[in-house]
Amino acid sequence: MSKPQFVYVTYIRTTPEKVWAALTEPQTIKKFWFNITADSDFKPGSPWRLKFEDGRVADTGEILEAVPPKRLVIKWRNEFKPELKAEGWSRCTMEIEMADYYPDFGGKAVKLTITHELEGEGTKFIEAVSAGWPKVMSNLKSLLETGDVAFQEYAS
């Protein structure tokens, strides 16, 4: 039986290096992730944590893989909603690659694929990330392409 998962793909007019930097630099993460603070050095084996502005821990985990500027894998668990935390650990894989989107016209972009899988059983956590990732990634795309985010505040 397959694990519950959510896959999100977006194309961003930028370089893999800039996408990697945005995904791993705490000051940039805060800009596109609704003022969430990331705490990690993004090296394999290192702890990883997301915190709300008020200091509450949103999510925790561990960096499982970090291959700049191509692949980042995080062991991830929600900490602030009991029903999501109860579903246990998940695995978030972020893959970054160059993609020709209109090769006849010279168009190039970065293809960013996020695959978020629950390690155990359940559906609530995957439902939550299915609603959250599109907003967070829209902000990332807008920030890298225009210098500003699409959404200023998170609306669930």
Protein backbone atom coordinates (compact mmCIF):
# COMPACT_ATOMS: atom_id res chain seq x y z
CA MET A 1 0.00 0.00 0.00
CA SER A 2 1.37 3.42 -0.89
CA LYS A 3 2.03 6.07 1.70
CA PRO A 4 -0.25 9.13 1.86
CA GLN A 5 1.51 11.88 -0.07
CA PHE A 6 1.19 15.29 -1.70
CA VAL A 7 3.25 16.32 -4.74
CA TYR A 8 3.59 19.94 -5.85
CA VAL A 9 5.49 21.12 -8.93
CA THR A 10 6.20 24.72 -9.87
CA TYR A 11 8.44 26.45 -12.39
CA ILE A 12 10.38 29.55 -11.37
CA ARG A 13 12.31 31.91 -13.65
CA THR A 14 15.56 31.87 -11.70
CA THR A 15 18.59 29.64 -11.08
CA PRO A 16 18.85 26.45 -9.00
CA GLU A 17 21.33 28.26 -6.75
CA LYS A 18 18.80 31.01 -5.95
CA VAL A 19 16.06 28.47 -5.20
CA TRP A 20 18.44 26.54 -2.93
CA ALA A 21 19.44 29.72 -1.12
CA ALA A 22 15.79 30.70 -0.63
CA LEU A 23 14.94 27.27 0.80
CA THR A 24 17.88 27.25 3.22
CA GLU A 25 18.47 30.87 4.32
CA PRO A 26 16.39 31.69 7.41
CA GLN A 27 15.96 35.38 6.50
CA THR A 28 14.55 34.47 3.07
CA ILE A 29 12.36 31.67 4.43
CA LYS A 30 10.78 34.19 6.80
CA LYS A 31 9.86 36.42 3.82
CA PHE A 32 7.93 33.81 1.85
CA TRP A 33 6.73 31.53 4.69
CA PHE A 34 4.45 34.00 6.50
CA ASN A 35 7.07 35.13 9.04
CA ILE A 36 7.91 31.58 10.09
CA THR A 37 11.48 31.28 11.36
CA ALA A 38 13.61 28.31 10.29
CA ASP A 39 16.29 27.04 12.62
CA SER A 40 18.85 24.71 11.01
CA ASP A 41 22.23 24.71 9.34
CA PHE A 42 20.71 22.48 6.61
CA LYS A 43 23.42 19.83 6.81
CA PRO A 44 22.62 16.10 6.89
CA GLY A 45 21.95 14.93 10.44
CA SER A 46 21.21 18.43 11.73
CA PRO A 47 18.04 19.30 13.58
CA TRP A 48 15.44 21.41 11.79
CA ARG A 49 12.68 23.52 13.32
CA LEU A 50 10.08 26.05 12.18
CA LYS A 51 8.81 28.60 14.72
CA PHE A 52 5.93 31.07 14.69
CA GLU A 53 6.56 34.77 15.35
CA ASP A 54 5.46 34.31 18.99
CA GLY A 55 8.15 31.62 19.51
CA ARG A 56 5.85 28.56 19.44
CA VAL A 57 7.32 25.61 17.59
CA ALA A 58 5.35 24.80 14.44
CA ASP A 59 7.30 21.83 13.09
CA THR A 60 10.43 19.85 13.97
CA GLY A 61 12.62 17.32 12.29
CA GLU A 62 16.01 16.50 10.89
CA ILE A 63 17.85 17.19 7.65
CA LEU A 64 18.20 13.77 6.00
CA GLU A 65 19.83 14.88 2.74
CA ALA A 66 21.25 18.16 1.48
CA VAL A 67 22.77 18.26 -2.00
CA PRO A 68 23.10 21.93 -3.02
CA PRO A 69 21.56 23.12 -5.28
CA LYS A 70 19.64 19.97 -6.24
CA ARG A 71 17.96 18.13 -3.39
CA LEU A 72 16.84 18.70 0.19
CA VAL A 73 15.12 16.01 2.27
CA ILE A 74 13.65 16.75 5.69
CA LYS A 75 12.20 14.36 8.28
CA TRP A 76 9.21 16.44 9.46
CA ARG A 77 6.58 16.40 12.19
CA ASN A 78 3.92 18.96 13.02
CA GLU A 79 4.12 20.09 16.65
CA PHE A 80 1.28 22.59 17.15
CA LYS A 81 -1.86 20.68 16.14
CA PRO A 82 -2.39 17.51 18.23
CA GLU A 83 -4.32 15.70 15.48
CA LEU A 84 -1.47 16.29 13.01
CA LYS A 85 1.29 15.46 15.49
CA ALA A 86 -0.53 12.18 16.26
CA GLU A 87 -0.04 11.05 12.67
CA GLY A 88 3.72 11.04 13.28
CA TRP A 89 6.67 11.71 11.04
CA SER A 90 6.65 12.64 7.39
CA ARG A 91 9.34 13.05 4.76
CA CYS A 92 9.56 16.16 2.60
CA THR A 93 11.73 15.93 -0.51
CA MET A 94 12.51 19.08 -2.49
CA GLU A 95 14.07 18.49 -5.90
CA ILE A 96 15.49 21.37 -7.93
CA GLU A 97 16.39 21.07 -11.62
CA MET A 98 16.64 23.20 -14.74
CA ALA A 99 13.81 22.71 -17.20
CA ASP A 100 13.23 23.92 -20.73
CA TYR A 101 9.67 25.11 -20.80
CA TYR A 102 9.62 26.47 -24.38
CA PRO A 103 12.89 25.19 -25.86
CA ASP A 104 12.04 26.51 -29.35
CA PHE A 105 11.90 30.02 -27.86
CA GLY A 106 14.83 29.69 -25.45
CA GLY A 107 12.70 29.58 -22.30
CA LYS A 108 14.33 28.15 -19.22
CA ALA A 109 13.16 27.89 -15.66
CA VAL A 110 13.85 25.95 -12.49
CA LYS A 111 11.49 23.05 -11.85
CA LEU A 112 10.89 22.66 -8.12
CA THR A 113 9.15 19.45 -7.08
CA ILE A 114 8.03 18.96 -3.50
CA THR A 115 6.95 15.49 -2.42
CA HIS A 116 5.60 15.29 1.12
CA GLU A 117 4.90 11.74 2.35
CA LEU A 118 3.51 10.56 5.64
CA GLU A 119 5.54 7.69 7.10
CA GLY A 120 2.55 6.20 8.92
CA GLU A 121 -1.19 6.13 8.42
CA GLY A 122 -3.59 9.05 8.34
CA THR A 123 -4.89 11.78 6.10
CA LYS A 124 -5.08 14.96 8.19
CA PHE A 125 -1.41 15.90 7.86
CA ILE A 126 -1.37 15.41 4.08
CA GLU A 127 -4.61 17.44 3.81
CA ALA A 128 -2.92 20.23 5.77
CA VAL A 129 0.24 20.32 3.63
CA SER A 130 -1.92 20.09 0.50
CA ALA A 131 -3.51 23.38 1.51
CA GLY A 132 -0.29 24.99 2.76
CA TRP A 133 2.36 24.17 0.16
CA PRO A 134 0.63 25.94 -2.78
CA LYS A 135 0.47 29.20 -0.78
CA VAL A 136 4.04 28.94 0.48
CA MET A 137 5.40 28.04 -2.97
CA SER A 138 3.39 30.81 -4.66
CA ASN A 139 5.09 33.21 -2.29
CA LEU A 140 8.52 31.71 -3.06
CA LYS A 141 7.94 31.94 -6.81
CA SER A 142 6.69 35.54 -6.59
CA LEU A 143 9.55 36.55 -4.32
CA LEU A 144 12.22 35.11 -6.62
CA GLU A 145 10.64 36.46 -9.82
CA THR A 146 9.44 39.89 -8.64
CA GLY A 147 11.03 40.62 -5.29
CA ASP A 148 7.69 40.53 -3.46
CA VAL A 149 5.37 37.79 -2.16
CA ALA A 150 1.88 36.93 -3.41
CA PHE A 151 0.28 36.54 0.05
CA GLN A 152 1.19 38.78 2.99
CA GLU A 153 -0.71 36.72 5.56
CA TYR A 154 -1.61 33.08 5.73
CA ALA A 155 -5.30 32.35 5.26
CA SER A 156 -6.30 28.72 5.76
